[in-house]
Amino acid sequence: MPEHQSQLPLEVTVERAPVAAPELRDEIAAAWSLPLGQRDEVGLRGNARSVITGKLELDATSDFPWDPHQPLRLRIAGLILSSREIDHWTRL
């Protein structure tokens, strides 16, 4: 292997620190009716076969007072998405 290359296992994932305390995350989850902080299977709008499995987390918090009609910025399995992109979810 050349000197400028390094070997990194592809299955290693980097855990990001939560953007909100669990209590705040749970309040936001209740307001938007989303399973934040849980391992889920999430189906995305526009394609019946687009399903992602992982822990659904906030990527950015919403402004207070919360308006559930505004989209949330979320992440699951390394993918950043809007709460409006979620068609359905199933808790695993």
Protein backbone atom coordinates (compact mmCIF):
# COMPACT_ATOMS: atom_id res chain seq x y z
CA MET A 1 0.00 0.00 0.00
CA PRO A 2 1.43 3.45 -0.90
CA GLU A 3 2.51 5.71 2.00
CA HIS A 4 -0.21 8.33 1.42
CA GLN A 5 -3.03 5.83 1.73
CA SER A 6 -4.46 4.47 4.95
CA GLN A 7 -6.58 1.46 5.64
CA LEU A 8 -9.92 2.25 7.22
CA PRO A 9 -12.64 -0.34 7.67
CA LEU A 10 -15.72 0.72 5.71
CA GLU A 11 -18.15 -0.43 8.38
CA VAL A 12 -16.91 2.15 10.92
CA THR A 13 -19.51 4.83 11.59
CA VAL A 14 -18.93 8.14 13.31
CA GLU A 15 -21.43 8.95 16.05
CA ARG A 16 -22.32 12.62 16.22
CA ALA A 17 -23.21 14.26 19.49
CA PRO A 18 -26.96 14.83 19.91
CA VAL A 19 -28.15 18.34 18.99
CA ALA A 20 -30.68 18.33 21.83
CA ALA A 21 -30.96 16.85 25.31
CA PRO A 22 -33.13 13.70 25.41
CA GLU A 23 -35.97 15.56 27.19
CA LEU A 24 -36.06 18.29 24.51
CA ARG A 25 -35.77 15.70 21.72
CA ASP A 26 -38.72 13.79 23.21
CA GLU A 27 -40.84 16.97 23.34
CA ILE A 28 -40.03 17.72 19.69
CA ALA A 29 -40.76 14.08 18.76
CA ALA A 30 -44.20 14.35 20.38
CA ALA A 31 -44.98 17.68 18.66
CA TRP A 32 -44.08 16.30 15.20
CA SER A 33 -45.31 12.74 15.89
CA LEU A 34 -41.94 11.23 14.97
CA PRO A 35 -40.00 8.40 16.64
CA LEU A 36 -36.83 10.42 17.33
CA GLY A 37 -34.07 8.55 19.13
CA GLN A 38 -35.52 5.15 18.21
CA ARG A 39 -34.36 2.51 15.75
CA ASP A 40 -36.86 2.61 12.90
CA GLU A 41 -37.54 1.68 9.33
CA VAL A 42 -38.38 4.92 7.51
CA GLY A 43 -40.10 5.02 4.12
CA LEU A 44 -39.47 8.10 1.99
CA ARG A 45 -42.02 9.90 -0.19
CA GLY A 46 -41.87 9.56 -3.94
CA ASN A 47 -40.50 6.05 -4.16
CA ALA A 48 -42.28 3.07 -2.64
CA ARG A 49 -38.99 1.15 -2.38
CA SER A 50 -36.96 3.86 -0.60
CA VAL A 51 -36.72 2.56 2.94
CA ILE A 52 -33.92 3.36 5.37
CA THR A 53 -33.27 1.57 8.64
CA GLY A 54 -31.50 3.23 11.54
CA LYS A 55 -31.84 5.54 14.51
CA LEU A 56 -33.85 8.64 13.56
CA GLU A 57 -32.25 11.74 15.11
CA LEU A 58 -32.51 15.51 14.92
CA ASP A 59 -29.81 17.11 12.79
CA ALA A 60 -30.87 20.61 13.87
CA THR A 61 -33.38 21.85 16.41
CA SER A 62 -36.43 23.86 15.52
CA ASP A 63 -37.08 27.40 16.74
CA PHE A 64 -39.26 27.75 19.81
CA PRO A 65 -42.25 28.00 19.93
CA TRP A 66 -42.46 24.85 17.87
CA ASP A 67 -44.63 24.75 14.81
CA PRO A 68 -45.21 21.15 13.65
CA HIS A 69 -46.12 22.49 10.21
CA GLN A 70 -42.49 23.54 9.70
CA PRO A 71 -40.06 20.85 8.53
CA LEU A 72 -37.43 19.39 10.83
CA ARG A 73 -33.91 18.60 9.66
CA LEU A 74 -33.30 14.93 10.52
CA ARG A 75 -30.68 12.25 9.96
CA ILE A 76 -30.83 8.48 9.74
CA ALA A 77 -28.04 6.10 8.75
CA GLY A 78 -25.85 9.05 7.68
CA LEU A 79 -28.53 10.56 5.43
CA ILE A 80 -29.77 14.10 6.09
CA LEU A 81 -33.44 14.61 5.27
CA SER A 82 -36.46 16.76 6.00
CA SER A 83 -39.36 15.56 8.10
CA ARG A 84 -41.52 16.27 5.02
CA GLU A 85 -39.71 13.52 3.11
CA ILE A 86 -40.96 10.81 5.49
CA ASP A 87 -43.94 8.88 4.15
CA HIS A 88 -44.19 6.30 6.93
CA TRP A 89 -42.15 4.71 9.69
CA THR A 90 -42.11 1.49 11.67
CA ARG A 91 -40.40 1.14 15.04
CA LEU A 92 -38.08 -1.87 15.12
